[in-house]
Amino acid sequence: MGRKSTPSILGEVLASSQLGQVLMDDLRYLLQEQLEVLALDAQHRIIERQTVFQGTLNSCPVHPREIFRVAVMSGAATVIVAHNHPSGQPQPSTSDRAFMQRLAACGQLMGIPLLDGFVVGLHSYFSFKEAGILPKTVEKRIEPLKTN
């Protein structure tokens, strides 16, 4: 059996503000919405960064399964998602907020928590973690297996 190669480290996440600036540099001038997943190891080092959706001028159809596929395939301990608003305004929409809550619930269920979510505008960004919206914990309802 061969040894498993060590994943390359693409960067280390030290703070939401540091990552927010990097994401602004990369996403703020895009003309279409784009959603990226950053998969992190247990030390918050980025081991995978992937664009999973590219949308239209004002929407980006997203499903959690593609986000968590990246996380599972890369062996991530946690994930961060980010998308831009081509309008330049970083304020999350109602659907952005609902989607982040859904991702947080999916992540908790899978054991791969959503560490933060970003909306990137032209001159600033919105971090769900900095705003105190994430991390959210979902009530655990684990029922034991029943045997007959």
Protein backbone atom coordinates (compact mmCIF):
# COMPACT_ATOMS: atom_id res chain seq x y z
CA MET A 1 0.00 0.00 0.00
CA GLY A 2 1.27 3.46 -0.87
CA ARG A 3 1.27 6.37 1.51
CA LYS A 4 -1.45 8.95 1.21
CA SER A 5 -0.04 12.25 0.08
CA THR A 6 -0.32 15.23 2.37
CA PRO A 7 -2.81 17.82 1.09
CA SER A 8 -1.25 21.06 -0.05
CA ILE A 9 -2.02 24.04 2.14
CA LEU A 10 -3.47 26.99 0.24
CA GLY A 11 -3.40 29.37 3.19
CA GLU A 12 -4.35 29.66 6.82
CA VAL A 13 -7.49 31.33 8.12
CA LEU A 14 -6.55 33.41 11.12
CA ALA A 15 -9.55 35.75 11.25
CA SER A 16 -12.72 36.53 9.31
CA SER A 17 -11.40 40.02 8.58
CA GLN A 18 -8.22 38.64 6.99
CA LEU A 19 -10.16 36.20 4.81
CA GLY A 20 -12.79 38.84 3.95
CA GLN A 21 -10.10 41.05 2.41
CA VAL A 22 -8.71 38.16 0.34
CA LEU A 23 -12.18 37.23 -0.89
CA MET A 24 -12.92 40.85 -1.81
CA ASP A 25 -9.77 40.97 -3.92
CA ASP A 26 -10.86 37.81 -5.74
CA LEU A 27 -14.63 38.25 -6.11
CA ARG A 28 -15.71 41.88 -6.02
CA TYR A 29 -15.34 42.68 -9.72
CA LEU A 30 -17.09 39.59 -11.08
CA LEU A 31 -20.12 40.36 -13.25
CA GLN A 32 -21.99 37.20 -12.22
CA GLU A 33 -22.64 35.70 -8.83
CA GLN A 34 -20.12 33.04 -7.98
CA LEU A 35 -20.08 30.78 -4.94
CA GLU A 36 -16.84 29.34 -3.60
CA VAL A 37 -16.20 26.69 -0.99
CA LEU A 38 -13.10 26.77 1.15
CA ALA A 39 -12.40 23.43 2.83
CA LEU A 40 -10.31 23.71 5.98
CA ASP A 41 -8.43 21.16 8.04
CA ALA A 42 -8.58 21.00 11.84
CA GLN A 43 -5.96 23.78 12.13
CA HIS A 44 -8.02 26.10 9.88
CA ARG A 45 -5.65 25.73 6.96
CA ILE A 46 -7.27 25.87 3.53
CA ILE A 47 -6.80 22.50 1.86
CA GLU A 48 -9.22 23.04 -1.04
CA ARG A 49 -10.79 26.08 -2.68
CA GLN A 50 -13.32 25.50 -5.39
CA THR A 51 -15.94 27.47 -7.29
CA VAL A 52 -19.05 25.31 -7.13
CA PHE A 53 -21.60 27.61 -8.76
CA GLN A 54 -21.67 30.47 -11.17
CA GLY A 55 -24.97 32.20 -11.56
CA THR A 56 -26.49 35.12 -13.36
CA LEU A 57 -26.36 38.81 -12.65
CA ASN A 58 -28.51 38.49 -9.54
CA SER A 59 -28.90 34.83 -8.63
CA CYS A 60 -26.89 31.69 -8.13
CA PRO A 61 -28.75 28.40 -7.82
CA VAL A 62 -27.03 26.54 -5.01
CA HIS A 63 -27.50 23.17 -3.35
CA PRO A 64 -25.75 22.03 -0.16
CA ARG A 65 -24.78 18.65 -1.65
CA GLU A 66 -22.21 20.23 -4.00
CA ILE A 67 -20.73 22.26 -1.15
CA PHE A 68 -20.38 19.27 1.13
CA ARG A 69 -19.13 17.05 -1.69
CA VAL A 70 -16.04 19.30 -1.83
CA ALA A 71 -15.71 19.07 1.95
CA VAL A 72 -16.00 15.28 2.08
CA MET A 73 -13.72 14.64 -0.91
CA SER A 74 -11.00 16.90 0.54
CA GLY A 75 -11.28 15.50 4.07
CA ALA A 76 -12.27 18.88 5.51
CA ALA A 77 -12.88 19.45 9.20
CA THR A 78 -14.91 22.59 8.49
CA VAL A 79 -16.00 24.77 5.57
CA ILE A 80 -16.40 28.41 4.66
CA VAL A 81 -18.58 29.58 1.79
CA ALA A 82 -18.40 32.89 -0.01
CA HIS A 83 -20.26 34.53 -2.84
CA ASN A 84 -20.27 37.94 -4.42
CA HIS A 85 -23.07 40.37 -5.16
CA PRO A 86 -22.43 41.96 -8.57
CA SER A 87 -24.59 44.90 -7.43
CA GLY A 88 -21.69 45.83 -5.16
CA GLN A 89 -23.82 45.70 -2.00
CA PRO A 90 -22.64 43.13 0.54
CA GLN A 91 -25.82 42.99 2.62
CA PRO A 92 -27.15 39.41 2.61
CA SER A 93 -30.60 38.88 1.18
CA THR A 94 -33.32 36.98 3.00
CA SER A 95 -32.52 33.96 0.83
CA ASP A 96 -28.78 34.32 1.64
CA ARG A 97 -29.61 34.21 5.36
CA ALA A 98 -31.92 31.22 4.98
CA PHE A 99 -29.34 29.37 2.89
CA MET A 100 -26.60 29.93 5.48
CA GLN A 101 -28.87 28.52 8.18
CA ARG A 102 -29.58 25.51 5.98
CA LEU A 103 -25.85 24.99 5.36
CA ALA A 104 -25.14 25.27 9.09
CA ALA A 105 -27.75 22.59 9.80
CA CYS A 106 -26.37 20.31 7.05
CA GLY A 107 -22.83 20.81 8.30
CA GLN A 108 -23.77 19.96 11.84
CA LEU A 109 -25.55 16.83 10.70
CA MET A 110 -22.53 15.74 8.64
CA GLY A 111 -19.97 16.66 11.29
CA ILE A 112 -18.39 19.28 9.03
CA PRO A 113 -19.45 22.62 10.53
CA LEU A 114 -19.93 25.81 8.55
CA LEU A 115 -17.31 28.10 10.07
CA ASP A 116 -18.33 31.29 8.25
CA GLY A 117 -20.18 32.61 5.25
CA PHE A 118 -19.25 35.72 3.29
CA VAL A 119 -21.09 38.03 0.94
CA VAL A 120 -18.64 40.15 -1.02
CA GLY A 121 -19.53 43.58 -2.30
CA LEU A 122 -17.49 46.14 -4.20
CA HIS A 123 -16.06 48.04 -1.21
CA SER A 124 -16.82 45.76 1.73
CA TYR A 125 -17.93 42.30 2.73
CA PHE A 126 -20.42 40.76 5.15
CA SER A 127 -19.30 37.93 7.44
CA PHE A 128 -22.01 35.86 9.07
CA LYS A 129 -19.58 34.96 11.87
CA GLU A 130 -18.59 38.59 12.54
CA ALA A 131 -22.29 39.50 12.61
CA GLY A 132 -22.91 36.83 15.26
CA ILE A 133 -25.20 34.80 13.02
CA LEU A 134 -22.84 31.80 12.76
CA PRO A 135 -22.08 29.35 14.14
CA LYS A 136 -25.58 28.18 14.89
CA THR A 137 -26.21 24.88 16.52
CA VAL A 138 -29.22 22.84 15.69
CA GLU A 139 -31.01 20.82 18.35
CA LYS A 140 -29.76 17.26 18.11
CA ARG A 141 -32.42 14.58 17.93
CA ILE A 142 -30.56 11.33 17.84
CA GLU A 143 -32.78 8.34 18.23
CA PRO A 144 -31.24 4.97 19.01
CA LEU A 145 -31.60 2.16 16.53
CA LYS A 146 -34.31 -0.26 17.50
CA THR A 147 -34.00 -3.99 17.11
CA ASN A 148 -36.77 -6.51 17.20
